[in-house]
Amino acid sequence: MNPCGLNFGMDVGACVSSWFTGWLPDWLVPLLPYWPLFAVIVGAGIAWRFAGAPGLAAFAAAVGYILGRRSVKDDAHEHVTGFDAAPPVKKKRKTLFDN
């Protein structure tokens, strides 16, 4: 069935998605939301193939770093402005001669 037929009940979303997924097999289309998992598996395989255990460890560290940075929430209390806002905390930079 062609989803891009011009009629009153035309599904525009199905028509546009068929332009991009029309070349994929039908069994692969439901798996598209899981592409990050597949990218991690392929990347781990490439890291293992070219660098062995150290490459796999570096790849795991990179994935952990990226996922850790994505999970950080913005602390809204640090960006409060107005009359009741506390002054920003100034951290003193440690020097060689500080005790």
PDB file of N, CA and C in Angstrom:
ATOM      1  N   MET A   1       0.836  -1.179   0.000  1.00  0.00           N
ATOM      2  CA  MET A   1       0.000   0.000   0.000  1.00  0.00           C
ATOM      3  C   MET A   1       0.878   1.239   0.000  1.00  0.00           C
ATOM      4  N   ASN A   2       0.562   2.170  -0.849  1.00  0.00           N
ATOM      5  CA  ASN A   2       1.320   3.399  -0.968  1.00  0.00           C
ATOM      6  C   ASN A   2       0.749   4.439  -0.011  1.00  0.00           C
ATOM      7  N   PRO A   3       1.498   4.855   1.016  1.00  0.00           N
ATOM      8  CA  PRO A   3       0.963   5.838   1.966  1.00  0.00           C
ATOM      9  C   PRO A   3       0.941   7.254   1.410  1.00  0.00           C
ATOM     10  N   CYS A   4       1.515   7.469   0.229  1.00  0.00           N
ATOM     11  CA  CYS A   4       1.607   8.819  -0.322  1.00  0.00           C
ATOM     12  C   CYS A   4       0.512   9.113  -1.337  1.00  0.00           C
ATOM     13  N   GLY A   5      -0.552   8.328  -1.330  1.00  0.00           N
ATOM     14  CA  GLY A   5      -1.660   8.610  -2.237  1.00  0.00           C
ATOM     15  C   GLY A   5      -2.363   9.894  -1.829  1.00  0.00           C
ATOM     16  N   LEU A   6      -2.735  10.705  -2.803  1.00  0.00           N
ATOM     17  CA  LEU A   6      -3.361  11.988  -2.520  1.00  0.00           C
ATOM     18  C   LEU A   6      -4.858  11.781  -2.310  1.00  0.00           C
ATOM     19  N   ASN A   7      -5.300  11.882  -1.065  1.00  0.00           N
ATOM     20  CA  ASN A   7      -6.711  11.762  -0.755  1.00  0.00           C
ATOM     21  C   ASN A   7      -6.982  12.489   0.562  1.00  0.00           C
ATOM     22  N   PHE A   8      -8.244  12.508   0.985  1.00  0.00           N
ATOM     23  CA  PHE A   8      -8.607  13.246   2.193  1.00  0.00           C
ATOM     24  C   PHE A   8      -8.072  12.588   3.461  1.00  0.00           C
ATOM     25  N   GLY A   9      -7.902  11.278   3.474  1.00  0.00           N
ATOM     26  CA  GLY A   9      -7.418  10.584   4.654  1.00  0.00           C
ATOM     27  C   GLY A   9      -5.925  10.325   4.617  1.00  0.00           C
ATOM     28  N   MET A  10      -5.199  11.134   3.886  1.00  0.00           N
ATOM     29  CA  MET A  10      -3.764  10.915   3.692  1.00  0.00           C
ATOM     30  C   MET A  10      -3.007  11.077   5.010  1.00  0.00           C
ATOM     31  N   ASP A  11      -2.143  10.103   5.304  1.00  0.00           N
ATOM     32  CA  ASP A  11      -1.291  10.167   6.499  1.00  0.00           C
ATOM     33  C   ASP A  11       0.051  10.765   6.090  1.00  0.00           C
ATOM     34  N   VAL A  12       0.237  12.043   6.357  1.00  0.00           N
ATOM     35  CA  VAL A  12       1.439  12.752   5.926  1.00  0.00           C
ATOM     36  C   VAL A  12       2.675  12.179   6.610  1.00  0.00           C
ATOM     37  N   GLY A  13       2.560  11.833   7.893  1.00  0.00           N
ATOM     38  CA  GLY A  13       3.706  11.276   8.619  1.00  0.00           C
ATOM     39  C   GLY A  13       4.166   9.963   8.031  1.00  0.00           C
ATOM     40  N   ALA A  14       3.230   9.087   7.667  1.00  0.00           N
ATOM     41  CA  ALA A  14       3.595   7.812   7.056  1.00  0.00           C
ATOM     42  C   ALA A  14       4.216   8.033   5.690  1.00  0.00           C
ATOM     43  N   CYS A  15       3.734   9.016   4.963  1.00  0.00           N
ATOM     44  CA  CYS A  15       4.295   9.308   3.646  1.00  0.00           C
ATOM     45  C   CYS A  15       5.746   9.785   3.763  1.00  0.00           C
ATOM     46  N   VAL A  16       5.999  10.721   4.680  1.00  0.00           N
ATOM     47  CA  VAL A  16       7.360  11.249   4.844  1.00  0.00           C
ATOM     48  C   VAL A  16       8.296  10.165   5.369  1.00  0.00           C
ATOM     49  N   SER A  17       7.841   9.357   6.320  1.00  0.00           N
ATOM     50  CA  SER A  17       8.709   8.306   6.847  1.00  0.00           C
ATOM     51  C   SER A  17       8.991   7.234   5.793  1.00  0.00           C
ATOM     52  N   SER A  18       8.065   7.029   4.856  1.00  0.00           N
ATOM     53  CA  SER A  18       8.327   6.038   3.809  1.00  0.00           C
ATOM     54  C   SER A  18       9.415   6.503   2.860  1.00  0.00           C
ATOM     55  N   TRP A  19       9.633   7.825   2.768  1.00  0.00           N
ATOM     56  CA  TRP A  19      10.725   8.312   1.937  1.00  0.00           C
ATOM     57  C   TRP A  19      12.071   7.899   2.513  1.00  0.00           C
ATOM     58  N   PHE A  20      12.170   7.895   3.847  1.00  0.00           N
ATOM     59  CA  PHE A  20      13.446   7.608   4.493  1.00  0.00           C
ATOM     60  C   PHE A  20      13.630   6.132   4.829  1.00  0.00           C
ATOM     61  N   THR A  21      12.549   5.427   5.100  1.00  0.00           N
ATOM     62  CA  THR A  21      12.663   4.021   5.490  1.00  0.00           C
ATOM     63  C   THR A  21      12.204   3.070   4.399  1.00  0.00           C
ATOM     64  N   GLY A  22      11.884   3.595   3.240  1.00  0.00           N
ATOM     65  CA  GLY A  22      11.420   2.736   2.154  1.00  0.00           C
ATOM     66  C   GLY A  22      12.479   1.767   1.667  1.00  0.00           C
ATOM     67  N   TRP A  23      13.749   2.075   1.837  1.00  0.00           N
ATOM     68  CA  TRP A  23      14.824   1.205   1.371  1.00  0.00           C
ATOM     69  C   TRP A  23      15.239   0.178   2.421  1.00  0.00           C
ATOM     70  N   LEU A  24      14.666   0.274   3.629  1.00  0.00           N
ATOM     71  CA  LEU A  24      14.988  -0.681   4.688  1.00  0.00           C
ATOM     72  C   LEU A  24      14.046  -1.885   4.632  1.00  0.00           C
ATOM     73  N   PRO A  25      14.526  -3.062   5.014  1.00  0.00           N
ATOM     74  CA  PRO A  25      13.606  -4.201   5.101  1.00  0.00           C
ATOM     75  C   PRO A  25      12.572  -3.978   6.206  1.00  0.00           C
ATOM     76  N   ASP A  26      11.418  -4.610   6.050  1.00  0.00           N
ATOM     77  CA  ASP A  26      10.314  -4.397   6.998  1.00  0.00           C
ATOM     78  C   ASP A  26      10.666  -4.819   8.423  1.00  0.00           C
ATOM     79  N   TRP A  27      11.508  -5.820   8.604  1.00  0.00           N
ATOM     80  CA  TRP A  27      11.843  -6.292   9.941  1.00  0.00           C
ATOM     81  C   TRP A  27      12.787  -5.321  10.649  1.00  0.00           C
ATOM     82  N   LEU A  28      13.471  -4.448   9.887  1.00  0.00           N
ATOM     83  CA  LEU A  28      14.439  -3.532  10.489  1.00  0.00           C
ATOM     84  C   LEU A  28      13.785  -2.229  10.969  1.00  0.00           C
ATOM     85  N   VAL A  29      12.680  -1.842  10.400  1.00  0.00           N
ATOM     86  CA  VAL A  29      12.038  -0.571  10.737  1.00  0.00           C
ATOM     87  C   VAL A  29      11.643  -0.492  12.213  1.00  0.00           C
ATOM     88  N   PRO A  30      11.063  -1.541  12.843  1.00  0.00           N
ATOM     89  CA  PRO A  30      10.729  -1.413  14.278  1.00  0.00           C
ATOM     90  C   PRO A  30      11.951  -1.307  15.185  1.00  0.00           C
ATOM     91  N   LEU A  31      13.130  -1.659  14.690  1.00  0.00           N
ATOM     92  CA  LEU A  31      14.343  -1.605  15.506  1.00  0.00           C
ATOM     93  C   LEU A  31      15.052  -0.253  15.443  1.00  0.00           C
ATOM     94  N   LEU A  32      14.558   0.677  14.635  1.00  0.00           N
ATOM     95  CA  LEU A  32      15.224   1.971  14.478  1.00  0.00           C
ATOM     96  C   LEU A  32      15.339   2.779  15.775  1.00  0.00           C
ATOM     97  N   PRO A  33      14.382   2.722  16.707  1.00  0.00           N
ATOM     98  CA  PRO A  33      14.578   3.490  17.948  1.00  0.00           C
ATOM     99  C   PRO A  33      15.752   2.999  18.798  1.00  0.00           C
ATOM    100  N   TYR A  34      16.256   1.830  18.512  1.00  0.00           N
ATOM    101  CA  TYR A  34      17.356   1.272  19.303  1.00  0.00           C
ATOM    102  C   TYR A  34      18.712   1.504  18.636  1.00  0.00           C
ATOM    103  N   TRP A  35      18.825   2.464  17.734  1.00  0.00           N
ATOM    104  CA  TRP A  35      20.084   2.671  17.036  1.00  0.00           C
ATOM    105  C   TRP A  35      21.233   3.032  17.971  1.00  0.00           C
ATOM    106  N   PRO A  36      21.038   3.745  19.104  1.00  0.00           N
ATOM    107  CA  PRO A  36      22.200   4.009  19.965  1.00  0.00           C
ATOM    108  C   PRO A  36      22.807   2.726  20.536  1.00  0.00           C
ATOM    109  N   LEU A  37      21.963   1.756  20.874  1.00  0.00           N
ATOM    110  CA  LEU A  37      22.468   0.487  21.382  1.00  0.00           C
ATOM    111  C   LEU A  37      23.285  -0.231  20.312  1.00  0.00           C
ATOM    112  N   PHE A  38      22.793  -0.240  19.100  1.00  0.00           N
ATOM    113  CA  PHE A  38      23.523  -0.880  18.009  1.00  0.00           C
ATOM    114  C   PHE A  38      24.844  -0.157  17.737  1.00  0.00           C
ATOM    115  N   ALA A  39      24.835   1.179  17.834  1.00  0.00           N
ATOM    116  CA  ALA A  39      26.069   1.940  17.631  1.00  0.00           C
ATOM    117  C   ALA A  39      27.102   1.602  18.700  1.00  0.00           C
ATOM    118  N   VAL A  40      26.666   1.425  19.940  1.00  0.00           N
ATOM    119  CA  VAL A  40      27.589   1.064  21.020  1.00  0.00           C
ATOM    120  C   VAL A  40      28.154  -0.336  20.783  1.00  0.00           C
ATOM    121  N   ILE A  41      27.311  -1.262  20.364  1.00  0.00           N
ATOM    122  CA  ILE A  41      27.789  -2.632  20.103  1.00  0.00           C
ATOM    123  C   ILE A  41      28.788  -2.651  18.966  1.00  0.00           C
ATOM    124  N   VAL A  42      28.498  -1.946  17.880  1.00  0.00           N
ATOM    125  CA  VAL A  42      29.425  -1.897  16.744  1.00  0.00           C
ATOM    126  C   VAL A  42      30.720  -1.179  17.139  1.00  0.00           C
ATOM    127  N   GLY A  43      30.596  -0.080  17.891  1.00  0.00           N
ATOM    128  CA  GLY A  43      31.793   0.638  18.339  1.00  0.00           C
ATOM    129  C   GLY A  43      32.659  -0.210  19.254  1.00  0.00           C
ATOM    130  N   ALA A  44      32.040  -0.993  20.138  1.00  0.00           N
ATOM    131  CA  ALA A  44      32.814  -1.881  21.011  1.00  0.00           C
ATOM    132  C   ALA A  44      33.513  -2.962  20.188  1.00  0.00           C
ATOM    133  N   GLY A  45      32.841  -3.458  19.173  1.00  0.00           N
ATOM    134  CA  GLY A  45      33.471  -4.465  18.308  1.00  0.00           C
ATOM    135  C   GLY A  45      34.650  -3.901  17.545  1.00  0.00           C
ATOM    136  N   ILE A  46      34.517  -2.687  17.050  1.00  0.00           N
ATOM    137  CA  ILE A  46      35.627  -2.056  16.322  1.00  0.00           C
ATOM    138  C   ILE A  46      36.784  -1.770  17.278  1.00  0.00           C
ATOM    139  N   ALA A  47      36.475  -1.288  18.485  1.00  0.00           N
ATOM    140  CA  ALA A  47      37.537  -1.025  19.469  1.00  0.00           C
ATOM    141  C   ALA A  47      38.263  -2.310  19.835  1.00  0.00           C
ATOM    142  N   TRP A  48      37.521  -3.395  20.004  1.00  0.00           N
ATOM    143  CA  TRP A  48      38.138  -4.680  20.337  1.00  0.00           C
ATOM    144  C   TRP A  48      38.999  -5.180  19.188  1.00  0.00           C
ATOM    145  N   ARG A  49      38.520  -5.032  17.971  1.00  0.00           N
ATOM    146  CA  ARG A  49      39.238  -5.538  16.796  1.00  0.00           C
ATOM    147  C   ARG A  49      40.559  -4.815  16.584  1.00  0.00           C
ATOM    148  N   PHE A  50      40.558  -3.492  16.759  1.00  0.00           N
ATOM    149  CA  PHE A  50      41.756  -2.729  16.439  1.00  0.00           C
ATOM    150  C   PHE A  50      42.694  -2.520  17.623  1.00  0.00           C
ATOM    151  N   ALA A  51      42.185  -2.533  18.863  1.00  0.00           N
ATOM    152  CA  ALA A  51      43.051  -2.212  19.995  1.00  0.00           C
ATOM    153  C   ALA A  51      42.979  -3.222  21.126  1.00  0.00           C
ATOM    154  N   GLY A  52      42.133  -4.221  21.029  1.00  0.00           N
ATOM    155  CA  GLY A  52      42.065  -5.245  22.065  1.00  0.00           C
ATOM    156  C   GLY A  52      41.456  -4.720  23.353  1.00  0.00           C
ATOM    157  N   ALA A  53      41.928  -5.266  24.460  1.00  0.00           N
ATOM    158  CA  ALA A  53      41.381  -4.907  25.774  1.00  0.00           C
ATOM    159  C   ALA A  53      41.586  -3.428  26.132  1.00  0.00           C
ATOM    160  N   PRO A  54      42.775  -2.835  25.858  1.00  0.00           N
ATOM    161  CA  PRO A  54      42.913  -1.405  26.170  1.00  0.00           C
ATOM    162  C   PRO A  54      41.957  -0.527  25.356  1.00  0.00           C
ATOM    163  N   GLY A  55      41.725  -0.895  24.113  1.00  0.00           N
ATOM    164  CA  GLY A  55      40.793  -0.136  23.291  1.00  0.00           C
ATOM    165  C   GLY A  55      39.366  -0.265  23.788  1.00  0.00           C
ATOM    166  N   LEU A  56      39.014  -1.474  24.229  1.00  0.00           N
ATOM    167  CA  LEU A  56      37.681  -1.691  24.775  1.00  0.00           C
ATOM    168  C   LEU A  56      37.502  -0.922  26.078  1.00  0.00           C
ATOM    169  N   ALA A  57      38.553  -0.868  26.894  1.00  0.00           N
ATOM    170  CA  ALA A  57      38.478  -0.095  28.137  1.00  0.00           C
ATOM    171  C   ALA A  57      38.347   1.400  27.843  1.00  0.00           C
ATOM    172  N   ALA A  58      39.078   1.897  26.853  1.00  0.00           N
ATOM    173  CA  ALA A  58      38.971   3.315  26.487  1.00  0.00           C
ATOM    174  C   ALA A  58      37.592   3.623  25.913  1.00  0.00           C
ATOM    175  N   PHE A  59      37.064   2.698  25.123  1.00  0.00           N
ATOM    176  CA  PHE A  59      35.720   2.883  24.566  1.00  0.00           C
ATOM    177  C   PHE A  59      34.680   2.910  25.681  1.00  0.00           C
ATOM    178  N   ALA A  60      34.803   2.007  26.641  1.00  0.00           N
ATOM    179  CA  ALA A  60      33.869   1.978  27.763  1.00  0.00           C
ATOM    180  C   ALA A  60      33.970   3.262  28.585  1.00  0.00           C
ATOM    181  N   ALA A  61      35.181   3.771  28.760  1.00  0.00           N
ATOM    182  CA  ALA A  61      35.352   5.023  29.496  1.00  0.00           C
ATOM    183  C   ALA A  61      34.708   6.186  28.744  1.00  0.00           C
ATOM    184  N   ALA A  62      34.856   6.203  27.428  1.00  0.00           N
ATOM    185  CA  ALA A  62      34.255   7.276  26.627  1.00  0.00           C
ATOM    186  C   ALA A  62      32.731   7.217  26.683  1.00  0.00           C
ATOM    187  N   VAL A  63      32.164   6.024  26.574  1.00  0.00           N
ATOM    188  CA  VAL A  63      30.706   5.880  26.647  1.00  0.00           C
ATOM    189  C   VAL A  63      30.218   6.271  28.040  1.00  0.00           C
ATOM    190  N   GLY A  64      30.920   5.855  29.086  1.00  0.00           N
ATOM    191  CA  GLY A  64      30.540   6.229  30.442  1.00  0.00           C
ATOM    192  C   GLY A  64      30.630   7.724  30.669  1.00  0.00           C
ATOM    193  N   TYR A  65      31.644   8.358  30.117  1.00  0.00           N
ATOM    194  CA  TYR A  65      31.782   9.803  30.253  1.00  0.00           C
ATOM    195  C   TYR A  65      30.626  10.522  29.556  1.00  0.00           C
ATOM    196  N   ILE A  66      30.302  10.100  28.344  1.00  0.00           N
ATOM    197  CA  ILE A  66      29.211  10.738  27.599  1.00  0.00           C
ATOM    198  C   ILE A  66      27.884  10.553  28.327  1.00  0.00           C
ATOM    199  N   LEU A  67      27.600   9.334  28.772  1.00  0.00           N
ATOM    200  CA  LEU A  67      26.346   9.099  29.481  1.00  0.00           C
ATOM    201  C   LEU A  67      26.309   9.834  30.817  1.00  0.00           C
ATOM    202  N   GLY A  68      27.451   9.961  31.482  1.00  0.00           N
ATOM    203  CA  GLY A  68      27.504  10.702  32.733  1.00  0.00           C
ATOM    204  C   GLY A  68      27.263  12.179  32.535  1.00  0.00           C
ATOM    205  N   ARG A  69      27.802  12.742  31.462  1.00  0.00           N
ATOM    206  CA  ARG A  69      27.592  14.154  31.191  1.00  0.00           C
ATOM    207  C   ARG A  69      26.148  14.431  30.807  1.00  0.00           C
ATOM    208  N   ARG A  70      25.513  13.485  30.130  1.00  0.00           N
ATOM    209  CA  ARG A  70      24.118  13.666  29.728  1.00  0.00           C
ATOM    210  C   ARG A  70      23.172  13.581  30.919  1.00  0.00           C
ATOM    211  N   SER A  71      23.580  12.893  31.989  1.00  0.00           N
ATOM    212  CA  SER A  71      22.689  12.710  33.127  1.00  0.00           C
ATOM    213  C   SER A  71      22.764  13.846  34.137  1.00  0.00           C
ATOM    214  N   VAL A  72      23.649  14.800  33.953  1.00  0.00           N
ATOM    215  CA  VAL A  72      23.810  15.904  34.905  1.00  0.00           C
ATOM    216  C   VAL A  72      22.648  16.871  34.747  1.00  0.00           C
ATOM    217  N   LYS A  73      22.028  17.185  35.852  1.00  0.00           N
ATOM    218  CA  LYS A  73      20.924  18.142  35.844  1.00  0.00           C
ATOM    219  C   LYS A  73      21.469  19.523  36.196  1.00  0.00           C
ATOM    220  N   ASP A  74      20.857  20.520  35.625  1.00  0.00           N
ATOM    221  CA  ASP A  74      21.268  21.887  35.911  1.00  0.00           C
ATOM    222  C   ASP A  74      20.775  22.268  37.304  1.00  0.00           C
ATOM    223  N   ASP A  75      21.662  22.754  38.143  1.00  0.00           N
ATOM    224  CA  ASP A  75      21.276  23.170  39.496  1.00  0.00           C
ATOM    225  C   ASP A  75      20.655  24.556  39.429  1.00  0.00           C
ATOM    226  N   ALA A  76      19.348  24.598  39.567  1.00  0.00           N
ATOM    227  CA  ALA A  76      18.640  25.869  39.437  1.00  0.00           C
ATOM    228  C   ALA A  76      18.978  26.826  40.576  1.00  0.00           C
ATOM    229  N   HIS A  77      19.319  26.312  41.757  1.00  0.00           N
ATOM    230  CA  HIS A  77      19.587  27.215  42.881  1.00  0.00           C
ATOM    231  C   HIS A  77      20.863  28.012  42.694  1.00  0.00           C
ATOM    232  N   GLU A  78      21.742  27.603  41.825  1.00  0.00           N
ATOM    233  CA  GLU A  78      22.963  28.364  41.588  1.00  0.00           C
ATOM    234  C   GLU A  78      22.730  29.545  40.653  1.00  0.00           C
ATOM    235  N   HIS A  79      21.590  29.563  39.988  1.00  0.00           N
ATOM    236  CA  HIS A  79      21.341  30.605  39.004  1.00  0.00           C
ATOM    237  C   HIS A  79      20.186  31.510  39.414  1.00  0.00           C
ATOM    238  N   VAL A  80      19.918  31.589  40.711  1.00  0.00           N
ATOM    239  CA  VAL A  80      18.836  32.428  41.207  1.00  0.00           C
ATOM    240  C   VAL A  80      19.321  33.870  41.223  1.00  0.00           C
ATOM    241  N   THR A  81      18.465  34.761  40.728  1.00  0.00           N
ATOM    242  CA  THR A  81      18.812  36.178  40.749  1.00  0.00           C
ATOM    243  C   THR A  81      17.714  36.938  41.480  1.00  0.00           C
ATOM    244  N   GLY A  82      18.017  38.116  41.853  1.00  0.00           N
ATOM    245  CA  GLY A  82      17.017  38.953  42.504  1.00  0.00           C
ATOM    246  C   GLY A  82      17.457  39.379  43.896  1.00  0.00           C
ATOM    247  N   PHE A  83      16.528  40.020  44.631  1.00  0.00           N
ATOM    248  CA  PHE A  83      16.837  40.597  45.942  1.00  0.00           C
ATOM    249  C   PHE A  83      17.187  39.529  46.972  1.00  0.00           C
ATOM    250  N   ASP A  84      16.510  38.387  46.938  1.00  0.00           N
ATOM    251  CA  ASP A  84      16.726  37.340  47.941  1.00  0.00           C
ATOM    252  C   ASP A  84      17.854  36.378  47.594  1.00  0.00           C
ATOM    253  N   ALA A  85      18.496  36.566  46.472  1.00  0.00           N
ATOM    254  CA  ALA A  85      19.527  35.623  46.037  1.00  0.00           C
ATOM    255  C   ALA A  85      20.782  35.767  46.894  1.00  0.00           C
ATOM    256  N   ALA A  86      21.370  34.641  47.212  1.00  0.00           N
ATOM    257  CA  ALA A  86      22.622  34.649  47.964  1.00  0.00           C
ATOM    258  C   ALA A  86      23.759  35.037  47.022  1.00  0.00           C
ATOM    259  N   PRO A  87      24.785  35.679  47.548  1.00  0.00           N
ATOM    260  CA  PRO A  87      25.909  36.034  46.675  1.00  0.00           C
ATOM    261  C   PRO A  87      26.625  34.770  46.194  1.00  0.00           C
ATOM    262  N   PRO A  88      27.222  34.830  45.015  1.00  0.00           N
ATOM    263  CA  PRO A  88      27.917  33.648  44.521  1.00  0.00           C
ATOM    264  C   PRO A  88      29.117  33.307  45.393  1.00  0.00           C
ATOM    265  N   VAL A  89      29.393  32.041  45.511  1.00  0.00           N
ATOM    266  CA  VAL A  89      30.518  31.577  46.322  1.00  0.00           C
ATOM    267  C   VAL A  89      31.784  31.724  45.506  1.00  0.00           C
ATOM    268  N   LYS A  90      32.719  32.477  46.057  1.00  0.00           N
ATOM    269  CA  LYS A  90      34.008  32.655  45.387  1.00  0.00           C
ATOM    270  C   LYS A  90      34.987  31.674  45.995  1.00  0.00           C
ATOM    271  N   LYS A  91      35.481  30.773  45.184  1.00  0.00           N
ATOM    272  CA  LYS A  91      36.448  29.798  45.675  1.00  0.00           C
ATOM    273  C   LYS A  91      37.847  30.374  45.524  1.00  0.00           C
ATOM    274  N   LYS A  92      38.590  30.272  46.607  1.00  0.00           N
ATOM    275  CA  LYS A  92      39.958  30.745  46.570  1.00  0.00           C
ATOM    276  C   LYS A  92      40.808  29.704  45.864  1.00  0.00           C
ATOM    277  N   ARG A  93      41.576  30.152  44.942  1.00  0.00           N
ATOM    278  CA  ARG A  93      42.441  29.256  44.194  1.00  0.00           C
ATOM    279  C   ARG A  93      43.657  28.907  45.033  1.00  0.00           C
ATOM    280  N   LYS A  94      43.885  27.602  45.180  1.00  0.00           N
ATOM    281  CA  LYS A  94      45.042  27.171  45.970  1.00  0.00           C
ATOM    282  C   LYS A  94      46.321  27.440  45.207  1.00  0.00           C
ATOM    283  N   THR A  95      47.280  27.968  45.936  1.00  0.00           N
ATOM    284  CA  THR A  95      48.593  28.190  45.338  1.00  0.00           C
ATOM    285  C   THR A  95      49.604  27.280  46.014  1.00  0.00           C
ATOM    286  N   LEU A  96      50.788  27.356  45.581  1.00  0.00           N
ATOM    287  CA  LEU A  96      51.845  26.488  46.082  1.00  0.00           C
ATOM    288  C   LEU A  96      52.145  26.769  47.548  1.00  0.00           C
ATOM    289  N   PHE A  97      51.954  28.011  47.997  1.00  0.00           N
ATOM    290  CA  PHE A  97      52.348  28.395  49.351  1.00  0.00           C
ATOM    291  C   PHE A  97      51.197  28.429  50.338  1.00  0.00           C
ATOM    292  N   ASP A  98      49.971  28.013  49.933  1.00  0.00           N
ATOM    293  CA  ASP A  98      48.844  27.962  50.853  1.00  0.00           C
ATOM    294  C   ASP A  98      48.970  26.785  51.784  1.00  0.00           C
ATOM    295  N   ASN A  99      48.500  26.977  53.039  1.00  0.00           N
ATOM    296  CA  ASN A  99      48.527  25.873  54.001  1.00  0.00           C
ATOM    297  C   ASN A  99      47.168  25.255  54.119  1.00  0.00           C
TER     298      ASN A  99
END
